[in-house]
Structure formats: C-alpha cells, structure tokens
Amino acid sequence: MPRTLSRPSTQDRPDPSAPVPAVGELVFDTAFVARSLDRLIVGRLQDLETLRQMALDLNAGANSEALHRQVVTLARSAREAYEGLQQSREVLVGLHKQASGGAVVASVDQLTGLANRAAFSTHLAAKLEALQPTGTLSLMLVDLGALKVLASEIGQAVTNRVVKRFAVILRRTIKRTDYVARIGPQNFAVVLEDVLPEKAVSIALRVHDAIEAKMSPNGGPMAGVLSVTMGIVGASGPGLAADELVRKAYDAVAQARKEGRPAIYLA
C-alpha cells in the first residue's frame, strides 16, 4: 500500500510545476574539458603559492589564527578541486568512448558530470531486461524544486552551481555501485539494484538529510527556497518496461508533492 513520509516544513516553499521534460542530448565539446582543467590548474597554482606564503609566515612567527584561516581556505579549495576533477573525469570517459567508436551522442550530462537521460534509459532498460524472477530493483526519482524561481532571483550561473553541488552531494551519499543520472533540468534518478523499495526509503531519508545539511546549513540562503521531493518505485522480476517504471516514479513524486515538502512517497 502506498506510503508517504513527510516532515513538517517551517515555511511555504514554491511549488514546482509538473515534471519537466528531459533535457536535449548534447554532443561533447572538448573545449569544455579543456576550460575545466585549465581552471583547476590555475586554482592549484594559487594554492601552492598560498602554501609557500604560509611556510614563510611560520618562519616569521605569524599568529596561529591567521594560519588557521588559511588552512580552512585551502581545505575548501581542495574539496572543490576534487569535485571538479570528478566531473571532468566523467566527461573524459565519455570522450574516450566516442573516440573508440562509441555512441555519437554524449552519455554524460555536461553540467554535473552524471549520466544523462539517454544513458539512463539504456541502463535501466538493460537492468530490467536482465532482472531475474526473484530479483528486485528500486528506482528513486529526486526532484529539486524551485530552480526557475532561484534562477530568476539570483541568476542562472548561481543556479547552475547549486545543481552541480546537489549532484555531488547525491553521488557521495549513496553507494558507489548505485547508478545516478540527471534526467531533466531538476530531476535526478538513482537505480538501486537488489534493493527493496522499503529499504530504498531509508536511503532516500539519508540523501534528504545530507542535502539539507550541506546545501542549507544553519538556515543558509538555500533554506526555504529549494525543495527536495522523492518518489520511489520498485520492480520485481522481468516484464516491466523502463518507460513504465519511470512514469510511476514521476507519479510518486507528484503524489509526494501534494503531501507537503520535503516528502518521500513510496508507491
């Protein structure tokens, strides 16, 4: 029987419209990778210069508070560099596949470095087709709401950074073997193999808590603006088509949205 898990919202949040159509598929641009790596190189050179200056300050007996601030800044820079390298690696993998005779259409979403809608559809169809009679699979659809409102208020460039940050948190919160894709401007999908839908609920709660803690810490600027809504559906045994499972997941998100945000709906 369908169940809804919701937590009280402290204020009204913008209600996103019906599910957004899938993004168009993009052909890889090698300049995109080059620009990303150039930015990473420049940033790391700046970090090395900061480390050199810190060493000089230590020899000169600089106060510990100033050095602590520099260490915190370097740690943040290293984390951002790691995230950027992860995204660049995904794009480079796709480029390698193309160069070696792979599909002409990109399989990676260029903004987040995750799999895109085309790659997700192929992956899900293959997993459902190979599902054994006693096997199970869960699909978790995550809707990041109010992006249009955010873009109109603070700009598309900042909104893109929010989406990228969201993708990194989502990827880190679940197991490395779980398949994650961006299947629409504000929609992400997670394929959980050998996971019952009931178990997927606890995973969804963990994802929600991580997103809330890291994107809106201590009532930060994202608090009360973004809404995270999740729909979970399961498949047991072969026979269910991929597009049918995705449709059910969208329906679950729509139902969760009716119940209040943040919400998780298990169909």
C-alpha atoms as a PDB file:
ATOM      1  CA  MET A   1       0.000   0.000   0.000  1.00  0.00           C
ATOM      2  CA  PRO A   2       1.410   3.437  -0.896  1.00  0.00           C
ATOM      3  CA  ARG A   3       3.064   5.279   1.986  1.00  0.00           C
ATOM      4  CA  THR A   4       4.115   8.880   2.320  1.00  0.00           C
ATOM      5  CA  LEU A   5       6.894  10.030   4.611  1.00  0.00           C
ATOM      6  CA  SER A   6       6.884  13.736   5.200  1.00  0.00           C
ATOM      7  CA  ARG A   7       8.479  16.164   7.579  1.00  0.00           C
ATOM      8  CA  PRO A   8       6.968  19.471   8.664  1.00  0.00           C
ATOM      9  CA  SER A   9       8.005  22.493   6.649  1.00  0.00           C
ATOM     10  CA  THR A  10       8.776  25.698   8.530  1.00  0.00           C
ATOM     11  CA  GLN A  11       7.527  27.921   5.721  1.00  0.00           C
ATOM     12  CA  ASP A  12       5.804  27.760   2.418  1.00  0.00           C
ATOM     13  CA  ARG A  13       8.101  26.917  -0.452  1.00  0.00           C
ATOM     14  CA  PRO A  14       7.486  27.489  -4.178  1.00  0.00           C
ATOM     15  CA  ASP A  15       5.652  24.551  -5.664  1.00  0.00           C
ATOM     16  CA  PRO A  16       7.375  23.333  -8.864  1.00  0.00           C
ATOM     17  CA  SER A  17       5.221  22.567 -11.874  1.00  0.00           C
ATOM     18  CA  ALA A  18       4.610  19.134 -13.352  1.00  0.00           C
ATOM     19  CA  PRO A  19       7.692  17.039 -14.229  1.00  0.00           C
ATOM     20  CA  VAL A  20       9.985  18.854 -16.637  1.00  0.00           C
ATOM     21  CA  PRO A  21      10.698  17.128 -19.956  1.00  0.00           C
ATOM     22  CA  ALA A  22      14.086  15.531 -20.353  1.00  0.00           C
ATOM     23  CA  VAL A  23      16.967  17.710 -21.434  1.00  0.00           C
ATOM     24  CA  GLY A  24      18.178  17.504 -25.006  1.00  0.00           C
ATOM     25  CA  GLU A  25      21.174  15.308 -25.568  1.00  0.00           C
ATOM     26  CA  LEU A  26      24.444  17.119 -26.173  1.00  0.00           C
ATOM     27  CA  VAL A  27      27.448  16.293 -28.279  1.00  0.00           C
ATOM     28  CA  PHE A  28      30.714  16.581 -26.370  1.00  0.00           C
ATOM     29  CA  ASP A  29      32.773  19.734 -26.764  1.00  0.00           C
ATOM     30  CA  THR A  30      36.442  19.100 -25.996  1.00  0.00           C
ATOM     31  CA  ALA A  31      36.853  22.803 -25.204  1.00  0.00           C
ATOM     32  CA  PHE A  32      34.537  22.259 -22.217  1.00  0.00           C
ATOM     33  CA  VAL A  33      37.003  19.773 -20.735  1.00  0.00           C
ATOM     34  CA  ALA A  34      39.980  21.995 -21.525  1.00  0.00           C
ATOM     35  CA  ARG A  35      38.419  25.025 -19.819  1.00  0.00           C
ATOM     36  CA  SER A  36      37.531  22.974 -16.744  1.00  0.00           C
ATOM     37  CA  LEU A  37      41.039  21.576 -16.408  1.00  0.00           C
ATOM     38  CA  ASP A  38      42.614  24.997 -17.010  1.00  0.00           C
ATOM     39  CA  ARG A  39      40.587  26.417 -14.115  1.00  0.00           C
ATOM     40  CA  LEU A  40      41.678  23.548 -11.878  1.00  0.00           C
ATOM     41  CA  ILE A  41      45.353  24.056 -12.789  1.00  0.00           C
ATOM     42  CA  VAL A  42      45.214  27.801 -12.106  1.00  0.00           C
ATOM     43  CA  GLY A  43      43.498  27.182  -8.783  1.00  0.00           C
ATOM     44  CA  ARG A  44      46.067  24.644  -7.675  1.00  0.00           C
ATOM     45  CA  LEU A  45      48.917  27.007  -8.594  1.00  0.00           C
ATOM     46  CA  GLN A  46      47.287  29.597  -6.358  1.00  0.00           C
ATOM     47  CA  ASP A  47      47.075  27.016  -3.573  1.00  0.00           C
ATOM     48  CA  LEU A  48      50.789  26.252  -3.923  1.00  0.00           C
ATOM     49  CA  GLU A  49      51.575  29.949  -3.644  1.00  0.00           C
ATOM     50  CA  THR A  50      49.414  30.116  -0.501  1.00  0.00           C
ATOM     51  CA  LEU A  51      51.323  27.174   0.993  1.00  0.00           C
ATOM     52  CA  ARG A  52      54.642  28.883   0.203  1.00  0.00           C
ATOM     53  CA  GLN A  53      53.453  32.040   1.923  1.00  0.00           C
ATOM     54  CA  MET A  54      52.272  30.028   4.927  1.00  0.00           C
ATOM     55  CA  ALA A  55      55.741  28.493   5.275  1.00  0.00           C
ATOM     56  CA  LEU A  56      57.284  31.968   5.236  1.00  0.00           C
ATOM     57  CA  ASP A  57      54.762  33.169   7.823  1.00  0.00           C
ATOM     58  CA  LEU A  58      55.588  30.223  10.076  1.00  0.00           C
ATOM     59  CA  ASN A  59      59.303  31.097   9.943  1.00  0.00           C
ATOM     60  CA  ALA A  60      58.423  34.699  10.728  1.00  0.00           C
ATOM     61  CA  GLY A  61      56.316  33.667  13.738  1.00  0.00           C
ATOM     62  CA  ALA A  62      52.907  34.582  12.296  1.00  0.00           C
ATOM     63  CA  ASN A  63      49.883  34.268  14.614  1.00  0.00           C
ATOM     64  CA  SER A  64      48.097  30.920  14.612  1.00  0.00           C
ATOM     65  CA  GLU A  65      44.642  32.389  13.936  1.00  0.00           C
ATOM     66  CA  ALA A  66      45.671  33.762  10.540  1.00  0.00           C
ATOM     67  CA  LEU A  67      47.298  30.449   9.621  1.00  0.00           C
ATOM     68  CA  HIS A  68      44.184  28.569  10.680  1.00  0.00           C
ATOM     69  CA  ARG A  69      42.067  30.672   8.330  1.00  0.00           C
ATOM     70  CA  GLN A  70      44.462  29.897   5.501  1.00  0.00           C
ATOM     71  CA  VAL A  71      44.289  26.160   6.248  1.00  0.00           C
ATOM     72  CA  VAL A  72      40.479  26.265   6.189  1.00  0.00           C
ATOM     73  CA  THR A  73      40.576  28.099   2.854  1.00  0.00           C
ATOM     74  CA  LEU A  74      42.978  25.525   1.410  1.00  0.00           C
ATOM     75  CA  ALA A  75      40.800  22.653   2.616  1.00  0.00           C
ATOM     76  CA  ARG A  76      37.761  24.181   0.905  1.00  0.00           C
ATOM     77  CA  SER A  77      39.762  24.727  -2.276  1.00  0.00           C
ATOM     78  CA  ALA A  78      40.965  21.107  -2.240  1.00  0.00           C
ATOM     79  CA  ARG A  79      37.396  19.833  -1.836  1.00  0.00           C
ATOM     80  CA  GLU A  80      36.168  21.952  -4.759  1.00  0.00           C
ATOM     81  CA  ALA A  81      39.092  20.743  -6.871  1.00  0.00           C
ATOM     82  CA  TYR A  82      38.237  17.127  -6.079  1.00  0.00           C
ATOM     83  CA  GLU A  83      34.638  17.681  -7.151  1.00  0.00           C
ATOM     84  CA  GLY A  84      35.759  19.388 -10.354  1.00  0.00           C
ATOM     85  CA  LEU A  85      38.135  16.534 -11.173  1.00  0.00           C
ATOM     86  CA  GLN A  86      35.338  14.008 -10.646  1.00  0.00           C
ATOM     87  CA  GLN A  87      33.142  15.826 -13.137  1.00  0.00           C
ATOM     88  CA  SER A  88      35.975  16.221 -15.664  1.00  0.00           C
ATOM     89  CA  ARG A  89      36.781  12.532 -15.355  1.00  0.00           C
ATOM     90  CA  GLU A  90      33.204  11.588 -16.260  1.00  0.00           C
ATOM     91  CA  VAL A  91      33.336  13.802 -19.338  1.00  0.00           C
ATOM     92  CA  LEU A  92      36.718  12.407 -20.371  1.00  0.00           C
ATOM     93  CA  VAL A  93      35.392   8.855 -20.048  1.00  0.00           C
ATOM     94  CA  GLY A  94      32.588   9.761 -22.429  1.00  0.00           C
ATOM     95  CA  LEU A  95      35.021  11.359 -24.855  1.00  0.00           C
ATOM     96  CA  HIS A  96      37.153   8.226 -24.806  1.00  0.00           C
ATOM     97  CA  LYS A  97      34.115   6.104 -25.626  1.00  0.00           C
ATOM     98  CA  GLN A  98      33.307   8.341 -28.583  1.00  0.00           C
ATOM     99  CA  ALA A  99      36.886   8.267 -29.869  1.00  0.00           C
ATOM    100  CA  SER A 100      36.940   4.480 -29.628  1.00  0.00           C
ATOM    101  CA  GLY A 101      33.781   4.047 -31.676  1.00  0.00           C
ATOM    102  CA  GLY A 102      31.146   4.616 -29.006  1.00  0.00           C
ATOM    103  CA  ALA A 103      27.854   6.424 -29.470  1.00  0.00           C
ATOM    104  CA  VAL A 104      27.967   9.825 -31.154  1.00  0.00           C
ATOM    105  CA  VAL A 105      25.532  11.318 -28.646  1.00  0.00           C
ATOM    106  CA  ALA A 106      27.036  12.140 -25.271  1.00  0.00           C
ATOM    107  CA  SER A 107      26.236   9.852 -22.383  1.00  0.00           C
ATOM    108  CA  VAL A 108      27.203  12.378 -19.716  1.00  0.00           C
ATOM    109  CA  ASP A 109      25.354  15.476 -18.552  1.00  0.00           C
ATOM    110  CA  GLN A 110      27.833  18.290 -19.129  1.00  0.00           C
ATOM    111  CA  LEU A 111      26.754  20.412 -16.168  1.00  0.00           C
ATOM    112  CA  THR A 112      27.012  17.750 -13.460  1.00  0.00           C
ATOM    113  CA  GLY A 113      29.189  15.002 -14.942  1.00  0.00           C
ATOM    114  CA  LEU A 114      26.484  12.426 -14.180  1.00  0.00           C
ATOM    115  CA  ALA A 115      24.922  10.127 -16.751  1.00  0.00           C
ATOM    116  CA  ASN A 116      22.315  11.887 -18.881  1.00  0.00           C
ATOM    117  CA  ARG A 117      18.772  10.869 -19.851  1.00  0.00           C
ATOM    118  CA  ALA A 118      19.839   8.784 -22.859  1.00  0.00           C
ATOM    119  CA  ALA A 119      22.406   6.812 -20.862  1.00  0.00           C
ATOM    120  CA  PHE A 120      19.944   6.344 -18.008  1.00  0.00           C
ATOM    121  CA  SER A 121      17.219   4.987 -20.307  1.00  0.00           C
ATOM    122  CA  THR A 122      19.638   2.479 -21.822  1.00  0.00           C
ATOM    123  CA  HIS A 123      20.948   1.408 -18.412  1.00  0.00           C
ATOM    124  CA  LEU A 124      17.509   0.988 -16.831  1.00  0.00           C
ATOM    125  CA  ALA A 125      16.134  -0.968 -19.796  1.00  0.00           C
ATOM    126  CA  ALA A 126      19.114  -3.338 -19.683  1.00  0.00           C
ATOM    127  CA  LYS A 127      18.799  -3.886 -15.930  1.00  0.00           C
ATOM    128  CA  LEU A 128      15.065  -4.577 -16.152  1.00  0.00           C
ATOM    129  CA  GLU A 129      15.554  -6.978 -19.036  1.00  0.00           C
ATOM    130  CA  ALA A 130      18.225  -8.889 -17.103  1.00  0.00           C
ATOM    131  CA  LEU A 131      16.218  -8.956 -13.870  1.00  0.00           C
ATOM    132  CA  GLN A 132      15.759 -12.490 -12.602  1.00  0.00           C
ATOM    133  CA  PRO A 133      12.345 -13.793 -11.430  1.00  0.00           C
ATOM    134  CA  THR A 134      13.472 -13.461  -7.822  1.00  0.00           C
ATOM    135  CA  GLY A 135      15.416 -10.260  -8.399  1.00  0.00           C
ATOM    136  CA  THR A 136      14.429  -6.775  -7.347  1.00  0.00           C
ATOM    137  CA  LEU A 137      15.295  -3.226  -8.329  1.00  0.00           C
ATOM    138  CA  SER A 138      14.252   0.153  -6.950  1.00  0.00           C
ATOM    139  CA  LEU A 139      14.129   3.459  -8.784  1.00  0.00           C
ATOM    140  CA  MET A 140      14.392   6.677  -6.783  1.00  0.00           C
ATOM    141  CA  LEU A 141      13.429   9.870  -8.591  1.00  0.00           C
ATOM    142  CA  VAL A 142      14.639  13.071  -6.933  1.00  0.00           C
ATOM    143  CA  ASP A 143      13.051  16.408  -7.837  1.00  0.00           C
ATOM    144  CA  LEU A 144      14.998  19.560  -6.957  1.00  0.00           C
ATOM    145  CA  GLY A 145      12.210  22.121  -6.931  1.00  0.00           C
ATOM    146  CA  ALA A 146      12.040  25.874  -7.401  1.00  0.00           C
ATOM    147  CA  LEU A 147      15.047  26.126  -9.729  1.00  0.00           C
ATOM    148  CA  LYS A 148      13.210  28.536 -12.038  1.00  0.00           C
ATOM    149  CA  VAL A 149      12.439  30.788  -9.083  1.00  0.00           C
ATOM    150  CA  LEU A 150      16.047  30.588  -7.956  1.00  0.00           C
ATOM    151  CA  ALA A 151      17.330  31.431 -11.447  1.00  0.00           C
ATOM    152  CA  SER A 152      15.079  34.477 -11.704  1.00  0.00           C
ATOM    153  CA  GLU A 153      16.142  35.744  -8.276  1.00  0.00           C
ATOM    154  CA  ILE A 154      19.894  35.106  -8.200  1.00  0.00           C
ATOM    155  CA  GLY A 155      20.780  34.239 -11.806  1.00  0.00           C
ATOM    156  CA  GLN A 156      21.363  31.145 -13.917  1.00  0.00           C
ATOM    157  CA  ALA A 157      25.095  30.945 -13.186  1.00  0.00           C
ATOM    158  CA  VAL A 158      24.495  30.596  -9.445  1.00  0.00           C
ATOM    159  CA  THR A 159      21.641  28.156 -10.088  1.00  0.00           C
ATOM    160  CA  ASN A 160      23.983  26.001 -12.171  1.00  0.00           C
ATOM    161  CA  ARG A 161      26.422  25.900  -9.262  1.00  0.00           C
ATOM    162  CA  VAL A 162      23.575  24.824  -6.975  1.00  0.00           C
ATOM    163  CA  VAL A 163      22.701  21.968  -9.350  1.00  0.00           C
ATOM    164  CA  LYS A 164      26.342  20.874  -9.549  1.00  0.00           C
ATOM    165  CA  ARG A 165      26.669  20.929  -5.784  1.00  0.00           C
ATOM    166  CA  PHE A 166      23.442  18.965  -5.451  1.00  0.00           C
ATOM    167  CA  ALA A 167      24.754  16.330  -7.862  1.00  0.00           C
ATOM    168  CA  VAL A 168      27.998  15.940  -5.901  1.00  0.00           C
ATOM    169  CA  ILE A 169      26.144  15.506  -2.593  1.00  0.00           C
ATOM    170  CA  LEU A 170      23.763  12.974  -4.142  1.00  0.00           C
ATOM    171  CA  ARG A 171      26.616  10.962  -5.663  1.00  0.00           C
ATOM    172  CA  ARG A 172      28.575  10.913  -2.400  1.00  0.00           C
ATOM    173  CA  THR A 173      25.608   9.978  -0.209  1.00  0.00           C
ATOM    174  CA  ILE A 174      24.790   6.696  -1.926  1.00  0.00           C
ATOM    175  CA  LYS A 175      26.955   3.686  -2.699  1.00  0.00           C
ATOM    176  CA  ARG A 176      29.493   3.905  -5.494  1.00  0.00           C
ATOM    177  CA  THR A 177      27.812   0.981  -7.252  1.00  0.00           C
ATOM    178  CA  ASP A 178      24.430   2.741  -7.387  1.00  0.00           C
ATOM    179  CA  TYR A 179      23.653   4.324 -10.758  1.00  0.00           C
ATOM    180  CA  VAL A 180      22.911   8.069 -10.731  1.00  0.00           C
ATOM    181  CA  ALA A 181      21.730  10.215 -13.638  1.00  0.00           C
ATOM    182  CA  ARG A 182      20.406  13.686 -14.320  1.00  0.00           C
ATOM    183  CA  ILE A 183      17.337  13.062 -16.440  1.00  0.00           C
ATOM    184  CA  GLY A 184      15.896  16.566 -16.538  1.00  0.00           C
ATOM    185  CA  PRO A 185      16.774  20.148 -15.553  1.00  0.00           C
ATOM    186  CA  GLN A 186      15.621  19.492 -11.995  1.00  0.00           C
ATOM    187  CA  ASN A 187      15.229  15.704 -11.974  1.00  0.00           C
ATOM    188  CA  PHE A 188      17.753  13.088 -10.877  1.00  0.00           C
ATOM    189  CA  ALA A 189      17.312   9.320 -10.915  1.00  0.00           C
ATOM    190  CA  VAL A 190      19.022   6.649  -8.828  1.00  0.00           C
ATOM    191  CA  VAL A 191      18.863   2.957  -9.779  1.00  0.00           C
ATOM    192  CA  LEU A 192      19.275   0.726  -6.727  1.00  0.00           C
ATOM    193  CA  GLU A 193      19.935  -2.896  -7.649  1.00  0.00           C
ATOM    194  CA  ASP A 194      18.940  -5.682  -5.252  1.00  0.00           C
ATOM    195  CA  VAL A 195      17.263  -3.128  -3.003  1.00  0.00           C
ATOM    196  CA  LEU A 196      13.644  -3.478  -1.942  1.00  0.00           C
ATOM    197  CA  PRO A 197      11.550  -0.283  -2.131  1.00  0.00           C
ATOM    198  CA  GLU A 198      11.128  -0.346   1.664  1.00  0.00           C
ATOM    199  CA  LYS A 199      14.913  -0.294   2.047  1.00  0.00           C
ATOM    200  CA  ALA A 200      15.143   2.498  -0.516  1.00  0.00           C
ATOM    201  CA  VAL A 201      13.108   4.702   1.840  1.00  0.00           C
ATOM    202  CA  SER A 202      15.940   4.745   4.389  1.00  0.00           C
ATOM    203  CA  ILE A 203      18.374   5.592   1.591  1.00  0.00           C
ATOM    204  CA  ALA A 204      16.111   8.432   0.469  1.00  0.00           C
ATOM    205  CA  LEU A 205      15.947   9.807   4.007  1.00  0.00           C
ATOM    206  CA  ARG A 206      19.739   9.725   4.225  1.00  0.00           C
ATOM    207  CA  VAL A 207      20.003  11.582   0.900  1.00  0.00           C
ATOM    208  CA  HIS A 208      17.482  14.190   2.023  1.00  0.00           C
ATOM    209  CA  ASP A 209      19.282  14.804   5.329  1.00  0.00           C
ATOM    210  CA  ALA A 210      22.650  15.154   3.567  1.00  0.00           C
ATOM    211  CA  ILE A 211      21.258  17.615   1.029  1.00  0.00           C
ATOM    212  CA  GLU A 212      19.533  19.690   3.696  1.00  0.00           C
ATOM    213  CA  ALA A 213      22.621  19.760   5.917  1.00  0.00           C
ATOM    214  CA  LYS A 214      25.127  20.605   3.188  1.00  0.00           C
ATOM    215  CA  MET A 215      23.092  22.911   0.957  1.00  0.00           C
ATOM    216  CA  SER A 216      21.182  24.841   3.624  1.00  0.00           C
ATOM    217  CA  PRO A 217      23.333  24.683   6.772  1.00  0.00           C
ATOM    218  CA  ASN A 218      22.065  26.685   9.754  1.00  0.00           C
ATOM    219  CA  GLY A 219      19.247  28.241   7.763  1.00  0.00           C
ATOM    220  CA  GLY A 220      21.542  29.399   4.953  1.00  0.00           C
ATOM    221  CA  PRO A 221      20.419  31.167   1.757  1.00  0.00           C
ATOM    222  CA  MET A 222      19.045  27.964   0.194  1.00  0.00           C
ATOM    223  CA  ALA A 223      16.813  27.195   3.190  1.00  0.00           C
ATOM    224  CA  GLY A 224      13.146  27.769   2.435  1.00  0.00           C
ATOM    225  CA  VAL A 225      13.823  28.167  -1.290  1.00  0.00           C
ATOM    226  CA  LEU A 226      14.792  24.743  -2.601  1.00  0.00           C
ATOM    227  CA  SER A 227      12.536  21.764  -2.057  1.00  0.00           C
ATOM    228  CA  VAL A 228      13.591  18.144  -2.410  1.00  0.00           C
ATOM    229  CA  THR A 229      10.833  15.699  -3.316  1.00  0.00           C
ATOM    230  CA  MET A 230      11.382  11.989  -3.899  1.00  0.00           C
ATOM    231  CA  GLY A 231       9.359   9.199  -5.436  1.00  0.00           C
ATOM    232  CA  ILE A 232      10.302   5.528  -5.055  1.00  0.00           C
ATOM    233  CA  VAL A 233       9.062   2.600  -7.133  1.00  0.00           C
ATOM    234  CA  GLY A 234      10.174  -0.999  -7.298  1.00  0.00           C
ATOM    235  CA  ALA A 235      10.368  -3.750  -9.903  1.00  0.00           C
ATOM    236  CA  SER A 236      10.392  -7.456  -9.060  1.00  0.00           C
ATOM    237  CA  GLY A 237      11.198  -9.932 -11.796  1.00  0.00           C
ATOM    238  CA  PRO A 238      11.293  -9.266 -15.559  1.00  0.00           C
ATOM    239  CA  GLY A 239       8.483  -7.862 -17.648  1.00  0.00           C
ATOM    240  CA  LEU A 240       8.202  -4.195 -16.641  1.00  0.00           C
ATOM    241  CA  ALA A 241       9.200  -1.648 -19.306  1.00  0.00           C
ATOM    242  CA  ALA A 242      11.646   1.106 -18.405  1.00  0.00           C
ATOM    243  CA  ASP A 243       9.341   3.942 -19.500  1.00  0.00           C
ATOM    244  CA  GLU A 244       6.525   2.497 -17.392  1.00  0.00           C
ATOM    245  CA  LEU A 245       8.720   2.394 -14.286  1.00  0.00           C
ATOM    246  CA  VAL A 246       9.849   5.983 -14.884  1.00  0.00           C
ATOM    247  CA  ARG A 247       6.222   7.100 -15.324  1.00  0.00           C
ATOM    248  CA  LYS A 248       5.347   5.511 -11.986  1.00  0.00           C
ATOM    249  CA  ALA A 249       8.275   7.285 -10.368  1.00  0.00           C
ATOM    250  CA  TYR A 250       7.083  10.654 -11.710  1.00  0.00           C
ATOM    251  CA  ASP A 251       3.603   9.867 -10.374  1.00  0.00           C
ATOM    252  CA  ALA A 252       5.126   9.105  -6.976  1.00  0.00           C
ATOM    253  CA  VAL A 253       6.938  12.472  -6.977  1.00  0.00           C
ATOM    254  CA  ALA A 254       3.686  14.243  -7.875  1.00  0.00           C
ATOM    255  CA  GLN A 255       1.920  12.485  -5.004  1.00  0.00           C
ATOM    256  CA  ALA A 256       4.729  13.361  -2.589  1.00  0.00           C
ATOM    257  CA  ARG A 257       4.459  16.996  -3.664  1.00  0.00           C
ATOM    258  CA  LYS A 258       0.774  17.019  -2.733  1.00  0.00           C
ATOM    259  CA  GLU A 259       1.555  15.678   0.736  1.00  0.00           C
ATOM    260  CA  GLY A 260       3.909  18.519   1.630  1.00  0.00           C
ATOM    261  CA  ARG A 261       7.615  19.195   1.403  1.00  0.00           C
ATOM    262  CA  PRO A 262      10.069  17.720   1.985  1.00  0.00           C
ATOM    263  CA  ALA A 263       8.376  14.421   1.222  1.00  0.00           C
ATOM    264  CA  ILE A 264       9.174  10.900   0.147  1.00  0.00           C
ATOM    265  CA  TYR A 265       6.461   8.798  -1.451  1.00  0.00           C
ATOM    266  CA  LEU A 266       6.755   5.035  -1.754  1.00  0.00           C
ATOM    267  CA  ALA A 267       4.496   3.647  -4.457  1.00  0.00           C
END
